[in-house]
């Protein structure tokens, strides 16, 4: 390379057209998955205090959100239920009820916006009287009994019309068991995006408020979610889930674990996603509300980071706002 002044890297940064011409990656609305929260009732929009700008919606208002997503060009919406405490039990039976909130919302979206992909969450915490992702007995989270429940949940969600199942529970052997059950039930085309590298993180707090699991949770989730200091274990979990039949994999949380995203994409070369979780979202919103950062620019920069790290897509509560900015040619 010729030395200065023959080489002037700033030449390619001189204006917007040049910067766009040499840009190494792109952020597209196709990269966005919008997580939404559904609750019982009619015509309900209920704010989540710890997640400014995020609401719980009744099924009819979830359909409106789906229509909004389609208008913005967002191709996938992900459903999380806020379950009435009266329906939460130690056995988590509501998780595979064909008429539970998640399944009703899925069917409603399928009927109203058939081209929109519907992703669902597979974990027992919204239905568990003890707030855990698996069945608990004598303070122990039971793996095999939990997998049996999760499989029933997966088939019920596929029956309702879900396109993508998102097992977020981190139980052992659940992907293989789900894949076998889906094939046996005639759902061979149903995709699995496994939360393969889900860490025991402090960034989930607002989400637990949003699904009503915070007050119920007893203890922590460290016996099934990954240790934040373990990267090689994350790769082993990715390899396991792919071998068991996962179509796509996810790293969660997002920005604090971009190194894991990079390792996963470089090694496995499979569709790789990250979840920009509630704590990440809330921090950006709070800092922006206090005037400490430019919220719009920070939001877009955070999403660019996922693409640069190797993500094929990202679950983010910013999806509608980001999609609107992208459509307007934001730089």
Protein backbone atom coordinates (compact mmCIF):
# COMPACT_ATOMS: atom_id res chain seq x y z
CA UNK A 1 0.00 0.00 0.00
CA UNK A 2 1.32 3.39 -0.94
CA UNK A 3 2.14 5.72 1.93
CA UNK A 4 0.43 9.04 2.68
CA UNK A 5 -0.47 11.19 0.81
CA UNK A 6 -0.99 8.63 -1.96
CA UNK A 7 -3.12 6.61 0.43
CA UNK A 8 -5.87 8.64 2.05
CA UNK A 9 -8.54 6.33 3.57
CA UNK A 10 -10.73 9.36 4.27
CA UNK A 11 -11.38 9.72 0.53
CA UNK A 12 -13.95 6.93 0.81
CA UNK A 13 -15.68 8.61 3.76
CA UNK A 14 -16.07 11.99 2.07
CA UNK A 15 -19.84 11.87 1.48
CA UNK A 16 -22.87 9.65 1.98
CA UNK A 17 -22.78 8.19 -1.54
CA UNK A 18 -19.17 7.04 -1.20
CA UNK A 19 -19.75 5.65 2.27
CA UNK A 20 -22.74 3.66 1.00
CA UNK A 21 -20.77 2.41 -2.00
CA UNK A 22 -18.02 0.82 0.11
CA UNK A 23 -20.10 -0.23 3.10
CA UNK A 24 -19.15 -3.75 4.16
CA UNK A 25 -22.55 -4.82 5.47
CA UNK A 26 -26.19 -3.76 5.37
CA UNK A 27 -28.99 -3.53 7.89
CA UNK A 28 -32.30 -4.44 6.29
CA UNK A 29 -35.85 -4.73 7.54
CA UNK A 30 -35.54 -8.40 6.52
CA UNK A 31 -33.14 -8.81 9.44
CA UNK A 32 -35.71 -7.85 12.09
CA UNK A 33 -37.96 -10.09 14.19
CA UNK A 34 -40.43 -8.24 16.41
CA UNK A 35 -41.17 -9.77 19.86
CA UNK A 36 -44.69 -8.93 21.11
CA UNK A 37 -46.53 -9.70 24.33
CA UNK A 38 -50.10 -11.01 24.36
CA UNK A 39 -52.52 -10.98 27.29
CA UNK A 40 -56.16 -11.86 27.85
CA UNK A 41 -59.03 -9.45 27.28
CA UNK A 42 -60.32 -7.33 24.43
CA UNK A 43 -59.00 -4.05 23.05
CA UNK A 44 -56.20 -4.05 25.63
CA UNK A 45 -52.97 -2.07 25.32
CA UNK A 46 -51.14 -2.28 28.64
CA UNK A 47 -47.80 -0.59 29.13
CA UNK A 48 -44.85 -2.54 30.54
CA UNK A 49 -43.36 -0.04 33.02
CA UNK A 50 -39.81 -1.38 32.81
CA UNK A 51 -39.87 -1.34 28.99
CA UNK A 52 -40.94 2.16 27.85
CA UNK A 53 -42.77 1.97 24.53
CA UNK A 54 -43.55 -1.75 24.85
CA UNK A 55 -47.09 -2.92 25.61
CA UNK A 56 -49.01 -6.09 26.29
CA UNK A 57 -51.77 -6.55 23.74
CA UNK A 58 -54.98 -8.55 23.73
CA UNK A 59 -55.33 -10.96 20.82
CA UNK A 60 -57.31 -8.48 18.72
CA UNK A 61 -54.62 -5.86 19.19
CA UNK A 62 -51.91 -8.43 18.42
CA UNK A 63 -53.55 -8.80 15.01
CA UNK A 64 -53.21 -5.03 14.57
CA UNK A 65 -49.51 -5.31 15.46
CA UNK A 66 -49.11 -8.07 12.90
CA UNK A 67 -50.73 -5.91 10.25
CA UNK A 68 -48.42 -3.04 11.22
CA UNK A 69 -45.41 -5.35 10.93
CA UNK A 70 -46.46 -6.43 7.44
CA UNK A 71 -46.94 -2.82 6.34
CA UNK A 72 -43.44 -1.98 7.57
CA UNK A 73 -41.94 -4.94 5.71
CA UNK A 74 -41.14 -6.91 8.87
CA UNK A 75 -41.43 -10.58 7.92
CA UNK A 76 -41.59 -12.26 11.34
CA UNK A 77 -43.31 -11.59 14.66
CA UNK A 78 -42.59 -13.54 17.85
CA UNK A 79 -45.29 -14.15 20.48
CA UNK A 80 -44.79 -14.20 24.25
CA UNK A 81 -47.79 -14.71 26.56
CA UNK A 82 -48.66 -12.92 29.79
CA UNK A 83 -50.58 -15.70 31.53
CA UNK A 84 -53.09 -15.16 34.31
CA UNK A 85 -51.70 -16.36 37.64
CA UNK A 86 -54.77 -18.55 38.12
CA UNK A 87 -53.64 -20.64 35.15
CA UNK A 88 -50.10 -21.21 36.44
CA UNK A 89 -49.45 -24.60 38.03
CA UNK A 90 -46.51 -26.77 39.01
CA UNK A 91 -47.29 -29.13 36.10
CA UNK A 92 -47.63 -26.24 33.58
CA UNK A 93 -50.63 -27.80 31.78
CA UNK A 94 -51.65 -24.47 30.22
CA UNK A 95 -48.45 -24.58 28.13
CA UNK A 96 -49.97 -27.09 25.68
CA UNK A 97 -53.59 -25.99 25.90
CA UNK A 98 -54.73 -25.45 22.27
CA UNK A 99 -56.69 -22.41 23.49
CA UNK A 100 -53.91 -20.73 25.45
CA UNK A 101 -52.99 -17.14 24.62
CA UNK A 102 -50.05 -17.99 22.39
CA UNK A 103 -52.00 -20.46 20.27
CA UNK A 104 -55.02 -18.19 19.95
CA UNK A 105 -52.79 -15.31 18.90
CA UNK A 106 -51.01 -17.52 16.36
CA UNK A 107 -54.25 -18.59 14.74
CA UNK A 108 -55.54 -15.02 14.66
CA UNK A 109 -52.38 -13.74 12.96
CA UNK A 110 -52.37 -16.62 10.50
CA UNK A 111 -55.94 -15.78 9.50
CA UNK A 112 -55.38 -12.02 9.20
CA UNK A 113 -51.83 -11.82 7.79
CA UNK A 114 -51.08 -15.22 6.23
CA UNK A 115 -47.74 -14.20 4.70
CA UNK A 116 -46.27 -13.02 8.02
CA UNK A 117 -44.05 -15.58 9.75
CA UNK A 118 -45.18 -16.41 13.28
CA UNK A 119 -42.51 -17.45 15.77
CA UNK A 120 -43.39 -18.77 19.22
CA UNK A 121 -41.55 -19.30 22.48
CA UNK A 122 -41.15 -22.74 24.01
CA UNK A 123 -40.41 -22.57 27.72
CA UNK A 124 -42.54 -23.24 30.76
CA UNK A 125 -41.91 -20.04 32.74
CA UNK A 126 -45.11 -18.21 31.61
CA UNK A 127 -47.15 -21.20 32.86
CA UNK A 128 -45.09 -22.29 35.85
CA UNK A 129 -46.23 -21.45 39.37
CA UNK A 130 -42.54 -21.31 40.33
CA UNK A 131 -41.41 -19.16 37.40
CA UNK A 132 -38.87 -21.59 35.96
CA UNK A 133 -38.41 -22.74 32.37
CA UNK A 134 -38.78 -26.35 33.47
CA UNK A 135 -40.82 -28.40 35.92
CA UNK A 136 -39.62 -28.06 39.51
CA UNK A 137 -39.77 -30.69 42.25
CA UNK A 138 -38.19 -30.21 45.69
CA UNK A 139 -36.28 -27.22 44.36
CA UNK A 140 -34.76 -29.17 41.44
CA UNK A 141 -35.52 -28.35 37.81
CA UNK A 142 -36.28 -31.74 36.27
CA UNK A 143 -34.86 -32.24 32.81
CA UNK A 144 -36.64 -35.25 31.34
CA UNK A 145 -40.09 -34.43 32.73
CA UNK A 146 -39.65 -30.87 31.43
CA UNK A 147 -38.75 -32.15 27.96
CA UNK A 148 -41.95 -34.19 27.86
CA UNK A 149 -43.96 -31.06 28.65
CA UNK A 150 -42.00 -28.95 26.16
CA UNK A 151 -42.64 -31.49 23.39
CA UNK A 152 -46.38 -31.31 24.02
CA UNK A 153 -46.11 -27.53 23.92
CA UNK A 154 -44.19 -27.63 20.63
CA UNK A 155 -46.76 -29.84 18.90
CA UNK A 156 -49.63 -27.65 20.13
CA UNK A 157 -47.92 -24.55 18.75
CA UNK A 158 -47.27 -26.24 15.41
CA UNK A 159 -50.90 -27.37 15.32
CA UNK A 160 -51.91 -23.71 15.80
CA UNK A 161 -49.88 -22.72 12.74
CA UNK A 162 -46.55 -21.45 14.10
CA UNK A 163 -43.88 -21.26 11.40
CA UNK A 164 -40.88 -21.13 13.74
CA UNK A 165 -40.61 -22.65 17.21
CA UNK A 166 -38.16 -21.02 19.59
CA UNK A 167 -37.16 -23.40 22.42
CA UNK A 168 -35.66 -21.09 25.05
CA UNK A 169 -35.66 -23.50 27.99
CA UNK A 170 -32.10 -24.92 27.76
CA UNK A 171 -33.09 -28.44 28.82
CA UNK A 172 -30.93 -31.28 27.50
CA UNK A 173 -32.20 -33.26 24.47
CA UNK A 174 -35.26 -31.10 23.90
CA UNK A 175 -34.47 -30.32 20.25
CA UNK A 176 -34.20 -33.96 19.24
CA UNK A 177 -37.36 -34.86 21.15
CA UNK A 178 -39.28 -31.97 19.57
CA UNK A 179 -38.07 -32.77 16.07
CA UNK A 180 -39.15 -36.40 16.41
CA UNK A 181 -42.57 -35.37 17.73
CA UNK A 182 -43.08 -32.78 14.99
CA UNK A 183 -42.26 -35.32 12.30
CA UNK A 184 -44.65 -37.85 13.84
CA UNK A 185 -47.41 -35.20 13.99
CA UNK A 186 -47.01 -34.25 10.33
CA UNK A 187 -45.20 -30.96 10.97
CA UNK A 188 -42.07 -31.71 8.99
CA UNK A 189 -41.94 -28.15 7.62
CA UNK A 190 -42.05 -26.44 11.02
CA UNK A 191 -38.73 -24.71 11.70
CA UNK A 192 -36.85 -24.73 15.00
CA UNK A 193 -34.77 -21.72 15.99
CA UNK A 194 -33.08 -23.03 19.09
CA UNK A 195 -31.95 -20.73 21.87
CA UNK A 196 -28.81 -22.84 21.95
CA UNK A 197 -26.54 -20.39 23.76
CA UNK A 198 -28.79 -18.78 26.35
CA UNK A 199 -26.85 -17.34 29.24
CA UNK A 200 -27.82 -16.90 32.89
CA UNK A 201 -27.95 -13.14 32.49
CA UNK A 202 -28.92 -10.10 34.53
CA UNK A 203 -30.36 -8.50 31.38
CA UNK A 204 -33.68 -10.42 31.42
CA UNK A 205 -35.41 -8.56 34.26
CA UNK A 206 -37.83 -6.36 32.29
CA UNK A 207 -38.91 -9.34 30.14
CA UNK A 208 -39.85 -11.29 33.25
CA UNK A 209 -42.00 -8.33 34.27
CA UNK A 210 -43.59 -8.32 30.81
CA UNK A 211 -44.64 -12.00 30.99
CA UNK A 212 -45.47 -11.89 34.69
CA UNK A 213 -42.79 -14.34 35.79
CA UNK A 214 -40.74 -12.09 38.11
CA UNK A 215 -42.82 -12.52 41.24
CA UNK A 216 -43.16 -16.27 40.81
CA UNK A 217 -39.48 -17.09 40.27
CA UNK A 218 -37.86 -18.93 43.15
CA UNK A 219 -34.07 -19.03 43.07
CA UNK A 220 -32.20 -18.55 39.79
CA UNK A 221 -31.74 -20.33 36.47
CA UNK A 222 -28.05 -21.14 36.68
CA UNK A 223 -28.52 -24.92 36.66
CA UNK A 224 -29.77 -24.83 33.06
CA UNK A 225 -28.68 -21.54 31.49
CA UNK A 226 -25.04 -21.01 30.55
CA UNK A 227 -22.33 -19.48 32.71
CA UNK A 228 -21.49 -16.01 31.28
CA UNK A 229 -17.78 -16.88 31.30
CA UNK A 230 -18.17 -19.96 29.07
CA UNK A 231 -17.65 -19.62 25.33
CA UNK A 232 -16.55 -23.15 24.39
CA UNK A 233 -19.59 -24.58 26.16
CA UNK A 234 -21.77 -22.37 23.96
CA UNK A 235 -20.19 -23.91 20.87
CA UNK A 236 -20.85 -27.40 22.24
CA UNK A 237 -24.51 -26.51 22.81
CA UNK A 238 -24.79 -25.17 19.26
CA UNK A 239 -23.25 -28.34 17.84
CA UNK A 240 -25.59 -30.51 19.90
CA UNK A 241 -28.74 -28.67 18.85
CA UNK A 242 -27.79 -28.72 15.18
CA UNK A 243 -27.13 -32.45 15.40
CA UNK A 244 -30.57 -32.93 16.98
CA UNK A 245 -32.39 -31.10 14.20
CA UNK A 246 -32.34 -27.33 14.84
CA UNK A 247 -32.64 -25.29 11.63
CA UNK A 248 -31.37 -22.03 13.14
CA UNK A 249 -29.59 -21.11 16.35
CA UNK A 250 -29.68 -18.15 18.67
CA UNK A 251 -27.38 -16.40 21.12
CA UNK A 252 -29.04 -14.64 24.05
CA UNK A 253 -28.50 -11.94 25.29
CA UNK A 254 -27.22 -10.01 22.31
CA UNK A 255 -24.75 -7.16 22.63
CA UNK A 256 -22.84 -8.48 25.70
CA UNK A 257 -22.31 -11.74 23.78
CA UNK A 258 -21.34 -10.58 20.29
CA UNK A 259 -18.10 -12.52 20.66
CA UNK A 260 -20.20 -15.69 20.92
CA UNK A 261 -22.15 -14.72 17.81
CA UNK A 262 -18.89 -14.30 15.89
CA UNK A 263 -17.54 -17.65 17.09
CA UNK A 264 -20.76 -19.48 16.23
CA UNK A 265 -21.09 -18.01 12.74
CA UNK A 266 -17.42 -18.59 11.92
CA UNK A 267 -17.44 -22.21 13.04
CA UNK A 268 -20.88 -23.49 12.00
CA UNK A 269 -21.90 -21.31 9.02
CA UNK A 270 -25.59 -21.78 9.81
CA UNK A 271 -28.39 -19.22 10.18
CA UNK A 272 -27.42 -17.43 13.39
CA UNK A 273 -29.59 -15.02 15.36
CA UNK A 274 -29.35 -12.97 18.52
CA UNK A 275 -31.94 -11.55 20.88
CA UNK A 276 -31.52 -7.91 21.86
CA UNK A 277 -33.09 -8.59 25.22
CA UNK A 278 -35.28 -6.44 27.42
CA UNK A 279 -32.44 -5.13 29.58
CA UNK A 280 -30.51 -3.96 26.52
CA UNK A 281 -33.62 -2.27 25.17
CA UNK A 282 -34.47 -0.64 28.52
CA UNK A 283 -30.95 0.75 28.96
CA UNK A 284 -31.00 2.49 25.58
CA UNK A 285 -34.50 3.85 26.23
CA UNK A 286 -33.59 5.08 29.72
CA UNK A 287 -30.36 6.76 28.63
CA UNK A 288 -32.18 8.43 25.74
CA UNK A 289 -35.01 9.61 28.02
CA UNK A 290 -32.42 11.26 30.27
CA UNK A 291 -30.74 12.97 27.35
CA UNK A 292 -27.50 11.07 27.85
CA UNK A 293 -27.45 9.56 24.35
CA UNK A 294 -29.19 10.04 21.03
CA UNK A 295 -31.68 7.17 21.32
CA UNK A 296 -32.35 6.82 17.60
CA UNK A 297 -28.69 6.69 16.66
CA UNK A 298 -27.83 4.35 19.52
CA UNK A 299 -30.68 2.03 18.54
CA UNK A 300 -29.51 1.78 14.94
CA UNK A 301 -25.86 1.42 15.90
CA UNK A 302 -26.75 -1.43 18.25
CA UNK A 303 -28.58 -3.24 15.44
CA UNK A 304 -25.66 -2.72 13.07
CA UNK A 305 -23.42 -4.39 15.64
CA UNK A 306 -25.42 -7.61 15.35
CA UNK A 307 -25.06 -7.69 11.58
CA UNK A 308 -21.36 -6.91 11.75
CA UNK A 309 -20.81 -9.71 14.26
CA UNK A 310 -22.39 -12.22 11.87
CA UNK A 311 -26.08 -12.32 12.75
CA UNK A 312 -28.51 -13.21 9.99
CA UNK A 313 -31.22 -11.54 12.02
CA UNK A 314 -32.08 -10.13 15.43
CA UNK A 315 -35.09 -10.22 17.72
CA UNK A 316 -35.56 -6.65 18.89
CA UNK A 317 -38.28 -4.56 20.48
CA UNK A 318 -37.00 -1.72 18.30
CA UNK A 319 -38.16 -3.53 15.13
CA UNK A 320 -41.04 -1.22 14.10
CA UNK A 321 -39.08 1.95 14.79
CA UNK A 322 -35.98 0.65 13.04
CA UNK A 323 -38.02 -0.58 10.06
CA UNK A 324 -39.52 2.88 9.65
CA UNK A 325 -36.11 4.53 9.70
CA UNK A 326 -34.67 2.04 7.21
CA UNK A 327 -37.59 2.70 4.85
CA UNK A 328 -36.83 6.42 5.01
CA UNK A 329 -33.22 5.83 4.00
CA UNK A 330 -31.62 6.35 7.40
CA UNK A 331 -27.82 6.49 7.46
